[in-house]
Every structure is written in C-alpha cells, then in structure tokens.
Amino acid sequence: MDSDAFEQLVHEHQDAVYRQMLRVCNHREDAEDALASALLLAFKSLDQLDSQDSFRAWLSTIGRRVCSRMRSHPKMLQVLEFAEEIGLVNRETEDGMDMSVLKGCVNDALNGLPDTYREIYRRCELDEESVPEASKALGISHAAGKSRLLRARALVRESLAESICGA
C-alpha cells in the first residue's frame, strides 16, 4: 500500500477511531495523543495489514494498546510532550502539524541516525528494552550504550526541531 492509499484510509476512518479512543482513554488530550501515536505505528507496520477493509478495526486495536501503554508508561507521554513543546503537536487547537508531515519528520529523524545510534535508539525507545539489555544484545558496554542512547536522543531532537523550523 502506498502512502496516498494510507492517507485516504486515515481520512476515512480517523474520526470513528478517535471517538473510540475518547471512550478508551477518557480524556480528549490522551485520545488525540493515542490516535497520533497509533497512526505512526500503523504507518510503520503497513505490511502487517491484511486488507484495507479491516483498516478501522486494525487501527482501533493499535489505538487501544497505545492508550493502555500511556497509562502504564509515562515515557510515551514524554515523547508527545516534547513533540508539543517543539510545535509538532498542538493539543490546545486543531492547528497542529498535518499527520503526514509529522510521520515524515519522525521517520526522517530515525532514518537519519547513524547506524551506531539508530539500533540502540530503536531498542530502547521503540522496543522498550532497558539500556543494559540493549547494550548486551549489541555487544557493547553499559556505559557505551548509555552514551549512544543520549547522543541518539539529542540527534532525534535536533532533527525534529530542524524539521519544524524548516516547515
């Protein structure tokens, strides 16, 4: 599925999924954050979608999981708060950056990381491994893992900030 087809499906189903996220998350801001995160995750996992007919159910499932993670993982809220702080997301108004632009910025930031930093970032931030676990899997010391993760986070923040200033 190409990005145009994805955007069309999102446009068609996002309101219904958002209403469902309101019921699951109990707060408008959390529902908006959950939908934004679910859309990013769905875009990254498009190859797992069986058919376009099941898109709404698939996206709803992802959204419900995001809501439950948000309640149990404050790290998810920190990422969204950072996105709001630099202007990627605006919780107060509907003027926030277009979701396709947001997805592009995040993907560009991750893909722009040097391999050395990308893998530790992916393991710790996306796969939620601890630094010791990720360091061991990568065959590096704990100190090197912490250092690489800090540098990767800084590079992602810089990339996102540049994307916003250039937008």
Protein backbone atom coordinates (compact mmCIF):
# COMPACT_ATOMS: atom_id res chain seq x y z
CA MET A 1 0.00 0.00 0.00
CA ASP A 2 1.39 3.40 -0.89
CA SER A 3 1.26 6.50 1.32
CA ASP A 4 -1.61 8.03 -0.69
CA ALA A 5 -3.80 4.98 -0.06
CA PHE A 6 -2.83 5.10 3.62
CA GLU A 7 -3.75 8.78 3.88
CA GLN A 8 -7.09 8.09 2.20
CA LEU A 9 -7.87 5.32 4.70
CA VAL A 10 -6.82 7.56 7.58
CA HIS A 11 -9.04 10.37 6.31
CA GLU A 12 -11.96 7.96 6.00
CA HIS A 13 -11.63 6.31 9.43
CA GLN A 14 -9.81 8.64 11.81
CA ASP A 15 -12.95 10.29 13.23
CA ALA A 16 -14.51 6.97 14.16
CA VAL A 17 -11.27 5.71 15.68
CA TYR A 18 -10.84 9.00 17.56
CA ARG A 19 -14.31 8.63 19.10
CA GLN A 20 -13.37 5.15 20.20
CA MET A 21 -10.10 6.47 21.69
CA LEU A 22 -12.12 9.02 23.66
CA ARG A 23 -14.04 6.16 25.29
CA VAL A 24 -10.92 4.13 25.97
CA CYS A 25 -8.59 6.92 27.13
CA ASN A 26 -11.24 9.01 28.95
CA HIS A 27 -9.60 12.35 28.07
CA ARG A 28 -9.61 14.37 24.86
CA GLU A 29 -5.87 15.12 25.02
CA ASP A 30 -4.99 11.47 25.67
CA ALA A 31 -7.28 10.35 22.84
CA GLU A 32 -5.60 12.78 20.46
CA ASP A 33 -2.15 11.60 21.54
CA ALA A 34 -3.20 7.95 21.27
CA LEU A 35 -4.59 8.47 17.77
CA ALA A 36 -1.42 10.28 16.65
CA SER A 37 0.77 7.50 18.04
CA ALA A 38 -1.48 4.79 16.61
CA LEU A 39 -1.27 6.39 13.16
CA LEU A 40 2.52 6.49 13.36
CA LEU A 41 2.68 2.87 14.45
CA ALA A 42 0.19 1.83 11.76
CA PHE A 43 2.20 3.60 9.07
CA LYS A 44 5.38 1.81 10.20
CA SER A 45 3.54 -1.54 10.21
CA LEU A 46 1.55 -1.28 6.98
CA ASP A 47 2.97 -4.59 5.81
CA GLN A 48 1.03 -6.29 8.63
CA LEU A 49 -2.37 -5.03 7.45
CA ASP A 50 -4.25 -7.95 5.92
CA SER A 51 -6.73 -5.92 3.90
CA GLN A 52 -7.84 -2.33 3.55
CA ASP A 53 -11.32 -3.45 4.62
CA SER A 54 -10.02 -4.20 8.10
CA PHE A 55 -8.11 -0.91 8.49
CA ARG A 56 -10.51 0.67 11.02
CA ALA A 57 -10.50 -2.37 13.31
CA TRP A 58 -6.73 -2.71 12.96
CA LEU A 59 -6.12 0.97 13.76
CA SER A 60 -8.57 0.79 16.69
CA THR A 61 -6.68 -2.16 18.14
CA ILE A 62 -3.39 -0.29 17.86
CA GLY A 63 -5.01 2.78 19.45
CA ARG A 64 -6.39 0.80 22.39
CA ARG A 65 -2.94 -0.66 23.03
CA VAL A 66 -1.41 2.81 22.89
CA CYS A 67 -3.98 4.07 25.44
CA SER A 68 -3.17 1.27 27.84
CA ARG A 69 0.58 1.86 27.38
CA MET A 70 0.11 5.57 28.00
CA ARG A 71 -1.44 4.79 31.35
CA SER A 72 1.37 2.44 32.33
CA HIS A 73 4.32 4.05 30.50
CA PRO A 74 4.81 7.74 31.20
CA LYS A 75 7.70 7.71 28.69
CA MET A 76 5.11 7.76 25.90
CA LEU A 77 3.66 10.97 27.30
CA GLN A 78 7.14 12.49 27.49
CA VAL A 79 7.65 11.95 23.75
CA LEU A 80 4.30 13.56 22.97
CA GLU A 81 5.00 16.46 25.33
CA PHE A 82 8.31 17.04 23.55
CA ALA A 83 6.52 17.00 20.20
CA GLU A 84 4.10 19.58 21.56
CA GLU A 85 6.93 21.68 23.00
CA ILE A 86 8.71 22.00 19.65
CA GLY A 87 5.49 22.57 17.76
CA LEU A 88 4.89 19.19 16.10
CA VAL A 89 1.64 18.67 18.00
CA ASN A 90 -0.71 21.27 19.38
CA ARG A 91 -3.13 19.93 21.98
CA GLU A 92 -4.93 23.23 22.53
CA THR A 93 -6.09 23.73 18.95
CA GLU A 94 -6.60 21.72 15.83
CA ASP A 95 -3.83 23.74 14.13
CA GLY A 96 -1.18 21.09 14.84
CA MET A 97 1.06 19.90 12.06
CA ASP A 98 -0.56 17.59 9.49
CA MET A 99 -0.17 13.92 10.46
CA SER A 100 1.57 13.05 7.20
CA VAL A 101 4.15 15.76 7.90
CA LEU A 102 4.57 14.53 11.47
CA LYS A 103 5.09 10.95 10.28
CA GLY A 104 7.61 12.12 7.73
CA CYS A 105 9.54 14.14 10.30
CA VAL A 106 9.71 11.27 12.77
CA ASN A 107 10.71 8.73 10.10
CA ASP A 108 13.34 11.11 8.72
CA ALA A 109 14.74 11.65 12.21
CA LEU A 110 15.03 7.91 12.84
CA ASN A 111 16.37 7.09 9.39
CA GLY A 112 18.86 9.95 9.64
CA LEU A 113 20.54 8.46 12.69
CA PRO A 114 23.92 6.85 12.07
CA ASP A 115 23.72 3.05 12.39
CA THR A 116 25.66 3.17 15.67
CA TYR A 117 22.93 5.26 17.27
CA ARG A 118 19.87 4.01 15.40
CA GLU A 119 19.98 0.49 16.80
CA ILE A 120 20.34 1.48 20.45
CA TYR A 121 17.61 4.10 19.99
CA ARG A 122 15.28 1.61 18.33
CA ARG A 123 15.83 -1.00 21.03
CA CYS A 124 15.45 1.36 24.00
CA GLU A 125 12.88 3.87 22.79
CA LEU A 126 10.72 1.85 20.40
CA ASP A 127 11.14 -1.72 21.65
CA GLU A 128 11.33 -0.56 25.31
CA GLU A 129 14.41 -2.60 26.17
CA SER A 130 16.49 -1.40 29.08
CA VAL A 131 19.91 0.08 28.32
CA PRO A 132 21.69 -2.93 29.87
CA GLU A 133 19.60 -5.35 27.75
CA ALA A 134 20.15 -3.40 24.55
CA SER A 135 23.86 -2.93 25.25
CA LYS A 136 24.32 -6.64 25.87
CA ALA A 137 22.44 -7.54 22.65
CA LEU A 138 24.63 -5.12 20.71
CA GLY A 139 27.83 -6.41 22.31
CA ILE A 140 28.81 -3.09 23.86
CA SER A 141 29.38 -1.94 27.42
CA HIS A 142 26.59 -0.46 29.50
CA ALA A 143 28.44 2.89 29.55
CA ALA A 144 28.74 2.87 25.75
CA GLY A 145 25.04 2.04 25.46
CA LYS A 146 24.07 4.95 27.71
CA SER A 147 26.34 7.31 25.80
CA ARG A 148 25.00 6.23 22.41
CA LEU A 149 21.40 6.49 23.56
CA LEU A 150 21.92 10.01 24.92
CA ARG A 151 23.56 11.05 21.64
CA ALA A 152 20.79 9.39 19.60
CA ARG A 153 18.10 11.21 21.60
CA ALA A 154 19.89 14.52 21.05
CA LEU A 155 20.15 13.85 17.30
CA VAL A 156 16.46 12.95 17.06
CA ARG A 157 15.51 16.14 18.95
CA GLU A 158 17.76 18.22 16.66
CA SER A 159 16.30 16.60 13.55
CA LEU A 160 12.72 17.16 14.71
CA ALA A 161 13.46 20.76 15.64
CA GLU A 162 15.03 21.37 12.21
CA SER A 163 12.02 19.78 10.52
CA ILE A 164 9.72 22.15 12.37
CA CYS A 165 11.80 25.26 11.70
CA GLY A 166 12.02 24.34 8.04
CA ALA A 167 8.29 23.53 7.76
